[in-house]
Amino acid sequence: MTKFLLVIILAAGFSAASAEDPKLKVDLATVVSTGVVVPVDGMTSAGQPDEAAFGIFAEQGYTTVIDLRTAGEDRGLDEAKVVEGLGMEYISLPIGRDDITFDSARSLDQLIAETDGPVLVHCGSANRVGALLALSKSLDGADNETALEYGQKGGMTSLESKVKKALTEE
């Protein structure tokens, strides 16, 4: 009985810790293997999903996919056709490295606000997604450190220096 209580207490502690530190960016292999994905504040960030991953997002009630990849980037599939075939709306918002700006963050925010249901936002690795999320958090009034942390949770990696520069110039 004592071991059982300890397991429940530990599980509750881990759940509380993960609830306090949500990961916006998901690992797509885990999404496919578990068949589960949970949005944070109505959104999930990811790298390039394949058809199986899109299927899980659709099954989990996602209504919209926002693709930040540019026209020249290979997706490995006809993404719009797959997404729309699964009953979700497909939106293309091409964002290159030079488009990591507050204006692009505002555009993404507007698209997310216009969706009715959970939204998946992706690029090739989630780096661009996280960068725009950091700028968006700053627009919402967050200090630079908080904005950067939020962007990292969304997948920002190599674009962090570009975001830092934008944050100090704003």
Protein backbone atom coordinates (compact mmCIF):
# COMPACT_ATOMS: atom_id res chain seq x y z
CA MET A 1 0.00 0.00 0.00
CA THR A 2 2.82 2.42 0.85
CA LYS A 3 4.55 1.78 -2.49
CA PHE A 4 1.26 2.43 -4.26
CA LEU A 5 0.82 5.79 -2.52
CA LEU A 6 4.42 6.73 -3.29
CA VAL A 7 3.88 5.97 -6.99
CA ILE A 8 0.73 8.11 -7.05
CA ILE A 9 2.45 10.99 -5.25
CA LEU A 10 5.45 10.84 -7.61
CA ALA A 11 3.20 10.67 -10.66
CA ALA A 12 1.23 13.68 -9.44
CA GLY A 13 4.48 15.57 -8.87
CA PHE A 14 5.73 14.81 -12.36
CA SER A 15 2.39 15.85 -13.84
CA ALA A 16 2.46 19.13 -11.93
CA ALA A 17 6.04 19.80 -13.00
CA SER A 18 5.25 19.17 -16.65
CA ALA A 19 2.13 21.34 -16.42
CA GLU A 20 4.24 24.19 -15.05
CA ASP A 21 6.85 23.81 -17.80
CA PRO A 22 4.90 23.08 -20.97
CA LYS A 23 6.77 22.18 -24.12
CA LEU A 24 5.26 23.85 -27.12
CA LYS A 25 7.46 21.86 -29.50
CA VAL A 26 6.60 18.19 -29.77
CA ASP A 27 8.70 15.28 -30.88
CA LEU A 28 6.85 13.95 -33.91
CA ALA A 29 8.09 10.37 -33.46
CA THR A 30 6.57 10.37 -29.97
CA VAL A 31 3.32 11.85 -31.29
CA VAL A 32 3.08 9.05 -33.86
CA SER A 33 4.08 6.27 -31.46
CA THR A 34 1.71 7.36 -28.67
CA GLY A 35 -1.09 8.73 -30.83
CA VAL A 36 -1.40 11.66 -28.44
CA VAL A 37 -0.62 15.35 -28.72
CA VAL A 38 -1.88 18.09 -26.41
CA PRO A 39 -1.82 21.76 -27.39
CA VAL A 40 -0.40 24.41 -25.06
CA ASP A 41 -2.54 27.54 -25.14
CA GLY A 42 -4.29 26.14 -28.21
CA MET A 43 -1.11 25.56 -30.21
CA THR A 44 1.66 23.07 -30.85
CA SER A 45 5.02 23.66 -32.56
CA ALA A 46 6.90 21.04 -34.56
CA GLY A 47 9.35 20.31 -37.30
CA GLN A 48 8.08 18.92 -40.63
CA PRO A 49 5.37 16.32 -39.97
CA ASP A 50 4.78 13.35 -42.23
CA GLU A 51 1.38 11.96 -43.20
CA ALA A 52 1.16 9.75 -40.09
CA ALA A 53 1.83 12.69 -37.78
CA PHE A 54 -0.75 14.86 -39.55
CA GLY A 55 -3.23 12.02 -39.02
CA ILE A 56 -2.62 12.08 -35.26
CA PHE A 57 -3.09 15.86 -35.13
CA ALA A 58 -6.41 15.48 -36.98
CA GLU A 59 -7.53 12.66 -34.66
CA GLN A 60 -6.66 14.81 -31.64
CA GLY A 61 -8.97 17.61 -32.81
CA TYR A 62 -6.54 20.02 -34.42
CA THR A 63 -8.35 22.21 -36.91
CA THR A 64 -5.52 24.12 -38.59
CA VAL A 65 -1.96 23.65 -39.79
CA ILE A 66 0.19 26.74 -40.37
CA ASP A 67 3.23 25.93 -42.49
CA LEU A 68 6.11 28.41 -42.21
CA ARG A 69 8.25 26.68 -44.82
CA THR A 70 9.07 28.54 -48.01
CA ALA A 71 8.09 27.33 -51.49
CA GLY A 72 11.53 25.88 -52.23
CA GLU A 73 11.63 23.62 -49.16
CA ASP A 74 10.85 19.94 -49.73
CA ARG A 75 8.10 18.65 -47.46
CA GLY A 76 8.21 15.09 -48.75
CA LEU A 77 4.49 15.19 -49.52
CA ASP A 78 1.73 17.37 -50.90
CA GLU A 79 1.10 18.94 -47.52
CA ALA A 80 -1.94 21.01 -48.42
CA LYS A 81 -3.65 17.98 -49.97
CA VAL A 82 -2.86 15.72 -47.00
CA VAL A 83 -3.92 18.29 -44.38
CA GLU A 84 -7.14 19.24 -46.14
CA GLY A 85 -7.89 15.57 -46.83
CA LEU A 86 -7.79 15.01 -43.07
CA GLY A 87 -10.34 17.78 -42.54
CA MET A 88 -7.96 20.45 -41.29
CA GLU A 89 -7.34 23.88 -42.79
CA TYR A 90 -3.92 24.40 -44.38
CA ILE A 91 -2.35 27.87 -44.22
CA SER A 92 0.97 28.74 -45.81
CA LEU A 93 2.89 31.61 -44.18
CA PRO A 94 6.34 31.41 -45.80
CA ILE A 95 9.00 32.61 -43.38
CA GLY A 96 12.68 32.66 -44.31
CA ARG A 97 15.58 33.63 -42.03
CA ASP A 98 15.21 37.27 -43.05
CA ASP A 99 11.53 37.23 -42.10
CA ILE A 100 12.15 36.76 -38.37
CA THR A 101 10.60 40.11 -37.50
CA PHE A 102 7.96 41.56 -35.23
CA ASP A 103 5.74 42.03 -38.29
CA SER A 104 5.97 38.30 -39.08
CA ALA A 105 5.20 37.49 -35.44
CA ARG A 106 2.11 39.71 -35.65
CA SER A 107 1.03 37.92 -38.83
CA LEU A 108 1.39 34.53 -37.15
CA ASP A 109 -0.48 35.77 -34.07
CA GLN A 110 -3.34 36.98 -36.25
CA LEU A 111 -3.60 33.66 -38.07
CA ILE A 112 -3.60 31.72 -34.80
CA ALA A 113 -6.25 34.05 -33.34
CA GLU A 114 -8.48 33.44 -36.37
CA THR A 115 -8.44 29.64 -35.97
CA ASP A 116 -11.24 27.74 -34.33
CA GLY A 117 -9.55 24.98 -32.41
CA PRO A 118 -6.02 23.76 -31.79
CA VAL A 119 -3.41 24.74 -34.36
CA LEU A 120 -0.14 23.12 -35.40
CA VAL A 121 2.55 25.59 -36.47
CA HIS A 122 5.60 24.08 -38.12
CA CYS A 123 8.65 24.71 -40.24
CA GLY A 124 11.51 22.33 -40.97
CA SER A 125 12.73 21.98 -37.37
CA ALA A 126 10.54 24.42 -35.34
CA ASN A 127 13.45 26.90 -35.17
CA ARG A 128 11.53 29.59 -37.08
CA VAL A 129 8.35 28.84 -35.14
CA GLY A 130 10.14 29.31 -31.82
CA ALA A 131 11.79 32.51 -33.03
CA LEU A 132 8.44 34.05 -33.97
CA LEU A 133 6.91 32.85 -30.70
CA ALA A 134 9.67 34.64 -28.77
CA LEU A 135 8.96 37.88 -30.63
CA SER A 136 5.24 37.39 -30.09
CA LYS A 137 5.77 36.93 -26.36
CA SER A 138 7.72 40.19 -26.33
CA LEU A 139 4.84 41.93 -28.12
CA ASP A 140 2.59 40.63 -25.33
CA GLY A 141 4.76 42.50 -22.82
CA ALA A 142 7.16 39.78 -21.66
CA ASP A 143 10.69 40.78 -20.73
CA ASN A 144 13.45 39.62 -23.06
CA GLU A 145 14.52 36.67 -20.90
CA THR A 146 10.97 35.32 -20.66
CA ALA A 147 10.43 35.84 -24.39
CA LEU A 148 13.61 33.93 -25.22
CA GLU A 149 12.68 31.06 -22.88
CA TYR A 150 9.27 30.83 -24.52
CA GLY A 151 10.89 30.75 -27.95
CA GLN A 152 13.21 27.95 -26.85
CA LYS A 153 10.21 25.92 -25.66
CA GLY A 154 8.74 26.46 -29.10
CA GLY A 155 11.84 25.11 -30.85
CA MET A 156 14.08 28.12 -31.36
CA THR A 157 17.76 27.17 -31.64
CA SER A 158 20.12 28.79 -34.14
CA LEU A 159 17.87 31.83 -34.64
CA GLU A 160 18.26 32.91 -31.01
CA SER A 161 20.95 35.51 -31.82
CA LYS A 162 18.71 37.04 -34.49
CA VAL A 163 15.82 37.20 -32.00
CA LYS A 164 18.06 38.72 -29.30
CA LYS A 165 19.08 41.43 -31.73
CA ALA A 166 15.45 42.16 -32.63
CA LEU A 167 14.49 42.28 -28.94
CA THR A 168 17.18 44.83 -28.14
CA GLU A 169 16.26 47.01 -31.11
CA GLU A 170 12.53 47.10 -30.35
